[in-house]
Amino acid sequence: MLKRLKKFFYAVVAAAALSAAVAWAVHALRVFHFRLVSSTAIASELRNPTALGFDGELLWVSDWDGHFSAFDPKSPSLSVLFSEVRGVGPYHPTALAFGDGALWSLDAAQSRILRQGVSDPNRVSSVEPAPGAAPSALAFGEGSLWVLDAASRVVNREVASGSWKPYALNAGRVPSIVLWSGGELWAYDPKSKEVSIFRPKGASFELAERHAFAEPVLGMAASASGKDGGRLWILTQKDGRYAMESWRYSAFWR
């Protein structure tokens, strides 16, 4: 009986490994195609925007001075909501993400992570230290919070409150933005103006594809429609004015 159980166990493990290998090989044949849908000049005042996030309905832009502005993705020229974070001491949000019913922001002033209200960023429910020597970007995906450490080029995943597990990011570059979309980690490199898409593989991320954009990206948010495409929003600056670009991306098979 014990021998049969062992054989069954090894067969299940082998089948799981084979399934993962096949899924990886199939994914390797996919490449995304990006199409610009619209570019809208933002008339609302943005002093020094630092990040962009999507809560499922609205696009949120954080500002270096702690202000947050929300925009309707269908008409992002004017903000529809405005909030200022107060009472938390020096605060300079440089990255934001939505997940687990909250807005998460990375504070460069005190190297910490704030959990805030989705519709009211001023409603801070918790604060925790950010992991790494130089936390620089933040994302929420796969049910967890992720923070990029620019010093070690490691993405730290919060596996429990205050407990982090490192994942190597084989990028060769230091991204300024990271986000999750369709089970993959996207990272933007400001030097090359490229978005790299990484797939999780064990305790690391492997590069799958890269896409170049003409304008510098100040913020980036995505909404995936499964693994075959979705919508990407980019906050950029053109001729001294801020603009919100809307892109469609869809999968093609090589």
C-alpha atoms as a PDB file:
ATOM      1  CA  MET A   1       0.000   0.000   0.000  1.00  0.00           C
ATOM      2  CA  LEU A   2       2.807   2.390   0.936  1.00  0.00           C
ATOM      3  CA  LYS A   3       4.640   1.659  -2.335  1.00  0.00           C
ATOM      4  CA  ARG A   4       1.483   2.425  -4.321  1.00  0.00           C
ATOM      5  CA  LEU A   5       1.027   5.722  -2.511  1.00  0.00           C
ATOM      6  CA  LYS A   6       4.636   6.661  -3.231  1.00  0.00           C
ATOM      7  CA  LYS A   7       4.231   5.794  -6.916  1.00  0.00           C
ATOM      8  CA  PHE A   8       1.023   7.826  -7.061  1.00  0.00           C
ATOM      9  CA  PHE A   9       2.719  10.785  -5.349  1.00  0.00           C
ATOM     10  CA  TYR A  10       5.687  10.750  -7.750  1.00  0.00           C
ATOM     11  CA  ALA A  11       3.320  10.464 -10.727  1.00  0.00           C
ATOM     12  CA  VAL A  12       1.366  13.525  -9.569  1.00  0.00           C
ATOM     13  CA  VAL A  13       4.574  15.525  -9.075  1.00  0.00           C
ATOM     14  CA  ALA A  14       5.868  14.510 -12.516  1.00  0.00           C
ATOM     15  CA  ALA A  15       2.549  15.423 -14.153  1.00  0.00           C
ATOM     16  CA  ALA A  16       2.540  18.830 -12.448  1.00  0.00           C
ATOM     17  CA  ALA A  17       6.118  19.515 -13.577  1.00  0.00           C
ATOM     18  CA  LEU A  18       5.274  18.516 -17.148  1.00  0.00           C
ATOM     19  CA  SER A  19       2.168  20.706 -17.140  1.00  0.00           C
ATOM     20  CA  ALA A  20       4.184  23.718 -15.932  1.00  0.00           C
ATOM     21  CA  ALA A  21       6.837  23.118 -18.592  1.00  0.00           C
ATOM     22  CA  VAL A  22       4.219  22.898 -21.349  1.00  0.00           C
ATOM     23  CA  ALA A  23       2.479  26.062 -20.126  1.00  0.00           C
ATOM     24  CA  TRP A  24       5.828  27.907 -20.104  1.00  0.00           C
ATOM     25  CA  ALA A  25       6.646  26.727 -23.628  1.00  0.00           C
ATOM     26  CA  VAL A  26       3.240  27.779 -24.950  1.00  0.00           C
ATOM     27  CA  HIS A  27       3.536  31.193 -23.255  1.00  0.00           C
ATOM     28  CA  ALA A  28       6.965  31.645 -24.848  1.00  0.00           C
ATOM     29  CA  LEU A  29       5.293  31.635 -28.264  1.00  0.00           C
ATOM     30  CA  ARG A  30       3.052  34.586 -27.372  1.00  0.00           C
ATOM     31  CA  VAL A  31       3.889  38.220 -28.008  1.00  0.00           C
ATOM     32  CA  PHE A  32       1.728  41.275 -27.334  1.00  0.00           C
ATOM     33  CA  HIS A  33       0.856  43.866 -29.952  1.00  0.00           C
ATOM     34  CA  PHE A  34       0.135  47.391 -28.674  1.00  0.00           C
ATOM     35  CA  ARG A  35      -2.199  49.883 -30.387  1.00  0.00           C
ATOM     36  CA  LEU A  36      -2.625  53.507 -29.287  1.00  0.00           C
ATOM     37  CA  VAL A  37      -6.332  54.274 -28.836  1.00  0.00           C
ATOM     38  CA  SER A  38      -6.208  57.850 -27.566  1.00  0.00           C
ATOM     39  CA  SER A  39      -3.992  60.542 -26.086  1.00  0.00           C
ATOM     40  CA  THR A  40      -5.707  63.159 -23.930  1.00  0.00           C
ATOM     41  CA  ALA A  41      -4.104  66.333 -22.599  1.00  0.00           C
ATOM     42  CA  ILE A  42      -4.732  66.738 -18.867  1.00  0.00           C
ATOM     43  CA  ALA A  43      -6.202  70.138 -18.047  1.00  0.00           C
ATOM     44  CA  SER A  44      -6.217  69.580 -14.277  1.00  0.00           C
ATOM     45  CA  GLU A  45      -3.239  70.889 -12.384  1.00  0.00           C
ATOM     46  CA  LEU A  46      -0.566  68.272 -11.720  1.00  0.00           C
ATOM     47  CA  ARG A  47       2.434  69.700  -9.917  1.00  0.00           C
ATOM     48  CA  ASN A  48       4.883  66.794  -9.927  1.00  0.00           C
ATOM     49  CA  PRO A  49       3.114  63.494 -10.725  1.00  0.00           C
ATOM     50  CA  THR A  50       4.929  60.382  -9.532  1.00  0.00           C
ATOM     51  CA  ALA A  51       2.724  57.344 -10.218  1.00  0.00           C
ATOM     52  CA  LEU A  52      -0.438  56.022 -11.834  1.00  0.00           C
ATOM     53  CA  GLY A  53      -2.859  53.318 -10.685  1.00  0.00           C
ATOM     54  CA  PHE A  54      -6.241  51.853 -11.669  1.00  0.00           C
ATOM     55  CA  ASP A  55      -8.812  50.876  -9.038  1.00  0.00           C
ATOM     56  CA  GLY A  56     -11.138  49.110 -11.492  1.00  0.00           C
ATOM     57  CA  GLU A  57     -13.135  52.258 -12.241  1.00  0.00           C
ATOM     58  CA  LEU A  58     -10.889  55.316 -11.958  1.00  0.00           C
ATOM     59  CA  LEU A  59      -7.287  56.183 -12.767  1.00  0.00           C
ATOM     60  CA  TRP A  60      -5.418  57.694  -9.815  1.00  0.00           C
ATOM     61  CA  VAL A  61      -2.345  59.942 -10.071  1.00  0.00           C
ATOM     62  CA  SER A  62      -0.147  60.586  -7.045  1.00  0.00           C
ATOM     63  CA  ASP A  63       1.862  63.771  -6.632  1.00  0.00           C
ATOM     64  CA  TRP A  64       5.175  64.257  -4.855  1.00  0.00           C
ATOM     65  CA  ASP A  65       3.558  66.589  -2.306  1.00  0.00           C
ATOM     66  CA  GLY A  66       1.021  63.954  -1.183  1.00  0.00           C
ATOM     67  CA  HIS A  67      -1.933  64.932  -3.355  1.00  0.00           C
ATOM     68  CA  PHE A  68      -4.001  62.346  -5.251  1.00  0.00           C
ATOM     69  CA  SER A  69      -6.175  63.045  -8.302  1.00  0.00           C
ATOM     70  CA  ALA A  70      -8.667  60.601  -9.851  1.00  0.00           C
ATOM     71  CA  PHE A  71      -9.629  60.564 -13.530  1.00  0.00           C
ATOM     72  CA  ASP A  72     -12.359  58.891 -15.563  1.00  0.00           C
ATOM     73  CA  PRO A  73     -10.532  56.596 -18.059  1.00  0.00           C
ATOM     74  CA  LYS A  74     -13.080  57.513 -20.755  1.00  0.00           C
ATOM     75  CA  SER A  75     -12.455  61.236 -20.343  1.00  0.00           C
ATOM     76  CA  PRO A  76      -9.236  61.906 -18.406  1.00  0.00           C
ATOM     77  CA  SER A  77      -8.809  65.584 -19.205  1.00  0.00           C
ATOM     78  CA  LEU A  78     -10.207  66.737 -15.847  1.00  0.00           C
ATOM     79  CA  SER A  79      -9.964  65.095 -12.416  1.00  0.00           C
ATOM     80  CA  VAL A  80     -13.194  63.885 -10.817  1.00  0.00           C
ATOM     81  CA  LEU A  81     -11.843  63.392  -7.277  1.00  0.00           C
ATOM     82  CA  PHE A  82      -9.087  65.000  -5.255  1.00  0.00           C
ATOM     83  CA  SER A  83      -7.502  64.006  -1.943  1.00  0.00           C
ATOM     84  CA  GLU A  84      -4.591  65.187   0.172  1.00  0.00           C
ATOM     85  CA  VAL A  85      -2.878  62.897   2.662  1.00  0.00           C
ATOM     86  CA  ARG A  86      -2.363  64.644   5.994  1.00  0.00           C
ATOM     87  CA  GLY A  87      -1.308  63.742   9.513  1.00  0.00           C
ATOM     88  CA  VAL A  88       1.332  61.143   8.603  1.00  0.00           C
ATOM     89  CA  GLY A  89       4.457  63.284   8.791  1.00  0.00           C
ATOM     90  CA  PRO A  90       6.729  63.823   5.763  1.00  0.00           C
ATOM     91  CA  TYR A  91       5.140  61.933   2.858  1.00  0.00           C
ATOM     92  CA  HIS A  92       6.242  61.649  -0.782  1.00  0.00           C
ATOM     93  CA  PRO A  93       4.413  58.849  -2.652  1.00  0.00           C
ATOM     94  CA  THR A  94       6.496  57.502  -5.534  1.00  0.00           C
ATOM     95  CA  ALA A  95       4.537  54.346  -6.427  1.00  0.00           C
ATOM     96  CA  LEU A  96       0.991  53.108  -5.929  1.00  0.00           C
ATOM     97  CA  ALA A  97      -1.075  49.973  -6.487  1.00  0.00           C
ATOM     98  CA  PHE A  98      -4.564  48.673  -5.794  1.00  0.00           C
ATOM     99  CA  GLY A  99      -5.398  45.302  -4.270  1.00  0.00           C
ATOM    100  CA  ASP A 100      -7.064  43.547  -1.333  1.00  0.00           C
ATOM    101  CA  GLY A 101      -9.633  46.347  -1.113  1.00  0.00           C
ATOM    102  CA  ALA A 102      -7.036  49.048  -0.559  1.00  0.00           C
ATOM    103  CA  LEU A 103      -4.761  51.604  -2.144  1.00  0.00           C
ATOM    104  CA  TRP A 104      -1.083  50.980  -1.374  1.00  0.00           C
ATOM    105  CA  SER A 105       1.555  53.681  -1.722  1.00  0.00           C
ATOM    106  CA  LEU A 106       5.319  53.666  -1.347  1.00  0.00           C
ATOM    107  CA  ASP A 107       6.561  56.655   0.631  1.00  0.00           C
ATOM    108  CA  ALA A 108      10.058  57.853  -0.318  1.00  0.00           C
ATOM    109  CA  ALA A 109      10.191  60.304   2.589  1.00  0.00           C
ATOM    110  CA  GLN A 110      10.250  57.607   5.284  1.00  0.00           C
ATOM    111  CA  SER A 111      10.821  54.389   3.290  1.00  0.00           C
ATOM    112  CA  ARG A 112       7.461  52.914   4.239  1.00  0.00           C
ATOM    113  CA  ILE A 113       4.268  51.486   2.761  1.00  0.00           C
ATOM    114  CA  LEU A 114       0.863  52.981   3.521  1.00  0.00           C
ATOM    115  CA  ARG A 115      -2.450  51.145   3.246  1.00  0.00           C
ATOM    116  CA  GLN A 116      -5.121  53.688   2.333  1.00  0.00           C
ATOM    117  CA  GLY A 117      -8.780  53.945   1.378  1.00  0.00           C
ATOM    118  CA  VAL A 118      -9.534  53.264  -2.280  1.00  0.00           C
ATOM    119  CA  SER A 119     -11.803  56.281  -2.702  1.00  0.00           C
ATOM    120  CA  ASP A 120     -10.087  58.382  -0.017  1.00  0.00           C
ATOM    121  CA  PRO A 121      -6.270  58.121   0.137  1.00  0.00           C
ATOM    122  CA  ASN A 122      -6.274  60.344   3.227  1.00  0.00           C
ATOM    123  CA  ARG A 123      -7.849  57.457   5.175  1.00  0.00           C
ATOM    124  CA  VAL A 124      -4.668  55.621   6.241  1.00  0.00           C
ATOM    125  CA  SER A 125      -5.362  52.295   7.979  1.00  0.00           C
ATOM    126  CA  SER A 126      -1.824  50.955   8.434  1.00  0.00           C
ATOM    127  CA  VAL A 127       1.844  51.771   7.912  1.00  0.00           C
ATOM    128  CA  GLU A 128       4.763  49.341   7.622  1.00  0.00           C
ATOM    129  CA  PRO A 129       8.472  49.618   6.748  1.00  0.00           C
ATOM    130  CA  ALA A 130       9.330  48.987   3.097  1.00  0.00           C
ATOM    131  CA  PRO A 131      11.738  46.086   2.492  1.00  0.00           C
ATOM    132  CA  GLY A 132      15.173  46.443   0.922  1.00  0.00           C
ATOM    133  CA  ALA A 133      17.956  49.018   0.962  1.00  0.00           C
ATOM    134  CA  ALA A 134      16.387  51.131  -1.793  1.00  0.00           C
ATOM    135  CA  PRO A 135      12.654  50.400  -2.257  1.00  0.00           C
ATOM    136  CA  SER A 136      11.692  52.150  -5.473  1.00  0.00           C
ATOM    137  CA  ALA A 137       8.558  50.609  -7.000  1.00  0.00           C
ATOM    138  CA  LEU A 138       5.467  48.789  -5.820  1.00  0.00           C
ATOM    139  CA  ALA A 139       2.831  46.454  -7.292  1.00  0.00           C
ATOM    140  CA  PHE A 140      -0.031  44.229  -6.153  1.00  0.00           C
ATOM    141  CA  GLY A 141      -0.665  40.876  -7.803  1.00  0.00           C
ATOM    142  CA  GLU A 142      -1.168  37.179  -7.192  1.00  0.00           C
ATOM    143  CA  GLY A 143      -2.826  38.129  -3.890  1.00  0.00           C
ATOM    144  CA  SER A 144       0.304  39.816  -2.538  1.00  0.00           C
ATOM    145  CA  LEU A 145       2.141  43.097  -2.287  1.00  0.00           C
ATOM    146  CA  TRP A 146       5.459  43.335  -4.189  1.00  0.00           C
ATOM    147  CA  VAL A 147       8.229  45.915  -3.706  1.00  0.00           C
ATOM    148  CA  LEU A 148      11.219  46.417  -5.986  1.00  0.00           C
ATOM    149  CA  ASP A 149      14.568  47.026  -4.304  1.00  0.00           C
ATOM    150  CA  ALA A 150      16.667  49.063  -6.745  1.00  0.00           C
ATOM    151  CA  ALA A 151      19.888  48.303  -4.861  1.00  0.00           C
ATOM    152  CA  SER A 152      19.701  44.517  -5.208  1.00  0.00           C
ATOM    153  CA  ARG A 153      17.344  44.358  -8.228  1.00  0.00           C
ATOM    154  CA  VAL A 154      15.158  42.000  -6.247  1.00  0.00           C
ATOM    155  CA  VAL A 155      11.373  42.048  -6.075  1.00  0.00           C
ATOM    156  CA  ASN A 156      10.215  41.292  -2.529  1.00  0.00           C
ATOM    157  CA  ARG A 157       6.856  39.577  -2.023  1.00  0.00           C
ATOM    158  CA  GLU A 158       5.003  39.995   1.248  1.00  0.00           C
ATOM    159  CA  VAL A 159       4.133  36.449   2.325  1.00  0.00           C
ATOM    160  CA  ALA A 160       2.864  37.537   5.759  1.00  0.00           C
ATOM    161  CA  SER A 161       2.537  40.851   7.554  1.00  0.00           C
ATOM    162  CA  GLY A 162       6.064  42.270   7.719  1.00  0.00           C
ATOM    163  CA  SER A 163       7.605  39.098   6.221  1.00  0.00           C
ATOM    164  CA  TRP A 164       9.057  39.258   2.719  1.00  0.00           C
ATOM    165  CA  LYS A 165      10.374  36.688   0.242  1.00  0.00           C
ATOM    166  CA  PRO A 166      12.878  37.858  -2.427  1.00  0.00           C
ATOM    167  CA  TYR A 167      12.503  37.037  -6.122  1.00  0.00           C
ATOM    168  CA  ALA A 168      15.362  37.770  -8.512  1.00  0.00           C
ATOM    169  CA  LEU A 169      14.480  40.059 -11.397  1.00  0.00           C
ATOM    170  CA  ASN A 170      16.684  39.088 -14.340  1.00  0.00           C
ATOM    171  CA  ALA A 171      16.305  42.437 -16.046  1.00  0.00           C
ATOM    172  CA  GLY A 172      19.848  43.755 -16.399  1.00  0.00           C
ATOM    173  CA  ARG A 173      18.325  47.171 -15.736  1.00  0.00           C
ATOM    174  CA  VAL A 174      16.716  49.053 -12.869  1.00  0.00           C
ATOM    175  CA  PRO A 175      13.007  49.686 -13.596  1.00  0.00           C
ATOM    176  CA  SER A 176      11.228  52.771 -12.294  1.00  0.00           C
ATOM    177  CA  ILE A 177       7.741  51.190 -12.460  1.00  0.00           C
ATOM    178  CA  VAL A 178       6.426  47.668 -11.869  1.00  0.00           C
ATOM    179  CA  LEU A 179       2.889  46.304 -12.115  1.00  0.00           C
ATOM    180  CA  TRP A 180       1.066  42.991 -12.400  1.00  0.00           C
ATOM    181  CA  SER A 181      -1.137  42.177 -15.380  1.00  0.00           C
ATOM    182  CA  GLY A 182      -2.511  38.799 -16.404  1.00  0.00           C
ATOM    183  CA  GLY A 183      -0.235  36.873 -14.037  1.00  0.00           C
ATOM    184  CA  GLU A 184       2.914  38.574 -15.351  1.00  0.00           C
ATOM    185  CA  LEU A 185       5.148  41.319 -13.962  1.00  0.00           C
ATOM    186  CA  TRP A 186       5.606  44.385 -16.161  1.00  0.00           C
ATOM    187  CA  ALA A 187       8.557  46.735 -15.596  1.00  0.00           C
ATOM    188  CA  TYR A 188       9.377  50.073 -17.215  1.00  0.00           C
ATOM    189  CA  ASP A 189      12.969  51.157 -17.818  1.00  0.00           C
ATOM    190  CA  PRO A 190      13.273  54.975 -18.147  1.00  0.00           C
ATOM    191  CA  LYS A 191      16.627  54.854 -19.964  1.00  0.00           C
ATOM    192  CA  SER A 192      15.492  52.710 -22.876  1.00  0.00           C
ATOM    193  CA  LYS A 193      11.796  53.733 -22.629  1.00  0.00           C
ATOM    194  CA  GLU A 194      10.946  50.038 -22.771  1.00  0.00           C
ATOM    195  CA  VAL A 195       8.352  47.966 -20.959  1.00  0.00           C
ATOM    196  CA  SER A 196       9.647  44.484 -20.168  1.00  0.00           C
ATOM    197  CA  ILE A 197       7.246  41.643 -19.401  1.00  0.00           C
ATOM    198  CA  PHE A 198       8.458  38.950 -17.007  1.00  0.00           C
ATOM    199  CA  ARG A 199       7.000  35.565 -16.153  1.00  0.00           C
ATOM    200  CA  PRO A 200       7.444  34.050 -12.691  1.00  0.00           C
ATOM    201  CA  LYS A 201       9.680  30.986 -12.691  1.00  0.00           C
ATOM    202  CA  GLY A 202      10.472  29.507  -9.301  1.00  0.00           C
ATOM    203  CA  ALA A 203      12.145  32.118  -7.116  1.00  0.00           C
ATOM    204  CA  SER A 204      12.850  34.507  -9.997  1.00  0.00           C
ATOM    205  CA  PHE A 205      11.351  36.286 -12.986  1.00  0.00           C
ATOM    206  CA  GLU A 206      12.398  35.495 -16.554  1.00  0.00           C
ATOM    207  CA  LEU A 207      12.172  38.033 -19.372  1.00  0.00           C
ATOM    208  CA  ALA A 208       9.494  37.172 -21.933  1.00  0.00           C
ATOM    209  CA  GLU A 209       9.291  40.226 -24.214  1.00  0.00           C
ATOM    210  CA  ARG A 210      10.072  43.938 -24.488  1.00  0.00           C
ATOM    211  CA  HIS A 211       8.185  46.851 -26.041  1.00  0.00           C
ATOM    212  CA  ALA A 212       9.491  50.356 -26.696  1.00  0.00           C
ATOM    213  CA  PHE A 213       7.434  53.529 -26.279  1.00  0.00           C
ATOM    214  CA  ALA A 214       8.190  56.883 -27.883  1.00  0.00           C
ATOM    215  CA  GLU A 215       7.423  59.150 -24.930  1.00  0.00           C
ATOM    216  CA  PRO A 216       8.848  58.955 -21.385  1.00  0.00           C
ATOM    217  CA  VAL A 217       6.502  57.130 -19.004  1.00  0.00           C
ATOM    218  CA  LEU A 218       5.758  58.802 -15.657  1.00  0.00           C
ATOM    219  CA  GLY A 219       3.082  56.317 -14.579  1.00  0.00           C
ATOM    220  CA  MET A 220       1.607  53.089 -15.890  1.00  0.00           C
ATOM    221  CA  ALA A 221      -1.543  51.076 -15.106  1.00  0.00           C
ATOM    222  CA  ALA A 222      -3.155  48.066 -16.761  1.00  0.00           C
ATOM    223  CA  SER A 223      -6.372  46.113 -16.768  1.00  0.00           C
ATOM    224  CA  ALA A 224      -6.002  42.614 -18.204  1.00  0.00           C
ATOM    225  CA  SER A 225      -8.769  40.745 -20.017  1.00  0.00           C
ATOM    226  CA  GLY A 226      -7.463  37.274 -19.300  1.00  0.00           C
ATOM    227  CA  LYS A 227      -3.996  36.389 -20.595  1.00  0.00           C
ATOM    228  CA  ASP A 228      -4.650  37.419 -24.190  1.00  0.00           C
ATOM    229  CA  GLY A 229      -4.890  41.179 -23.882  1.00  0.00           C
ATOM    230  CA  GLY A 230      -6.328  44.187 -22.115  1.00  0.00           C
ATOM    231  CA  ARG A 231      -5.954  47.925 -21.655  1.00  0.00           C
ATOM    232  CA  LEU A 232      -2.830  49.896 -20.732  1.00  0.00           C
ATOM    233  CA  TRP A 233      -2.796  53.513 -19.577  1.00  0.00           C
ATOM    234  CA  ILE A 234       0.324  55.635 -19.612  1.00  0.00           C
ATOM    235  CA  LEU A 235       0.876  59.012 -17.978  1.00  0.00           C
ATOM    236  CA  THR A 236       3.410  60.929 -20.025  1.00  0.00           C
ATOM    237  CA  GLN A 237       4.606  64.454 -20.719  1.00  0.00           C
ATOM    238  CA  LYS A 238       4.552  66.058 -24.152  1.00  0.00           C
ATOM    239  CA  ASP A 239       5.711  69.593 -24.954  1.00  0.00           C
ATOM    240  CA  GLY A 240       5.643  70.527 -21.282  1.00  0.00           C
ATOM    241  CA  ARG A 241       2.082  69.234 -20.763  1.00  0.00           C
ATOM    242  CA  TYR A 242       0.907  66.047 -19.124  1.00  0.00           C
ATOM    243  CA  ALA A 243      -1.152  63.585 -21.140  1.00  0.00           C
ATOM    244  CA  MET A 244      -2.946  60.293 -20.547  1.00  0.00           C
ATOM    245  CA  GLU A 245      -2.478  57.683 -23.234  1.00  0.00           C
ATOM    246  CA  SER A 246      -4.812  54.726 -23.634  1.00  0.00           C
ATOM    247  CA  TRP A 247      -3.486  51.596 -25.345  1.00  0.00           C
ATOM    248  CA  ARG A 248      -5.043  48.287 -26.329  1.00  0.00           C
ATOM    249  CA  TYR A 249      -2.825  45.226 -26.258  1.00  0.00           C
ATOM    250  CA  SER A 250      -3.623  41.801 -27.671  1.00  0.00           C
ATOM    251  CA  ALA A 251      -1.776  38.519 -27.988  1.00  0.00           C
ATOM    252  CA  PHE A 252      -0.257  37.162 -31.180  1.00  0.00           C
ATOM    253  CA  TRP A 253       1.307  33.722 -31.516  1.00  0.00           C
ATOM    254  CA  ARG A 254       4.673  33.194 -33.177  1.00  0.00           C
END
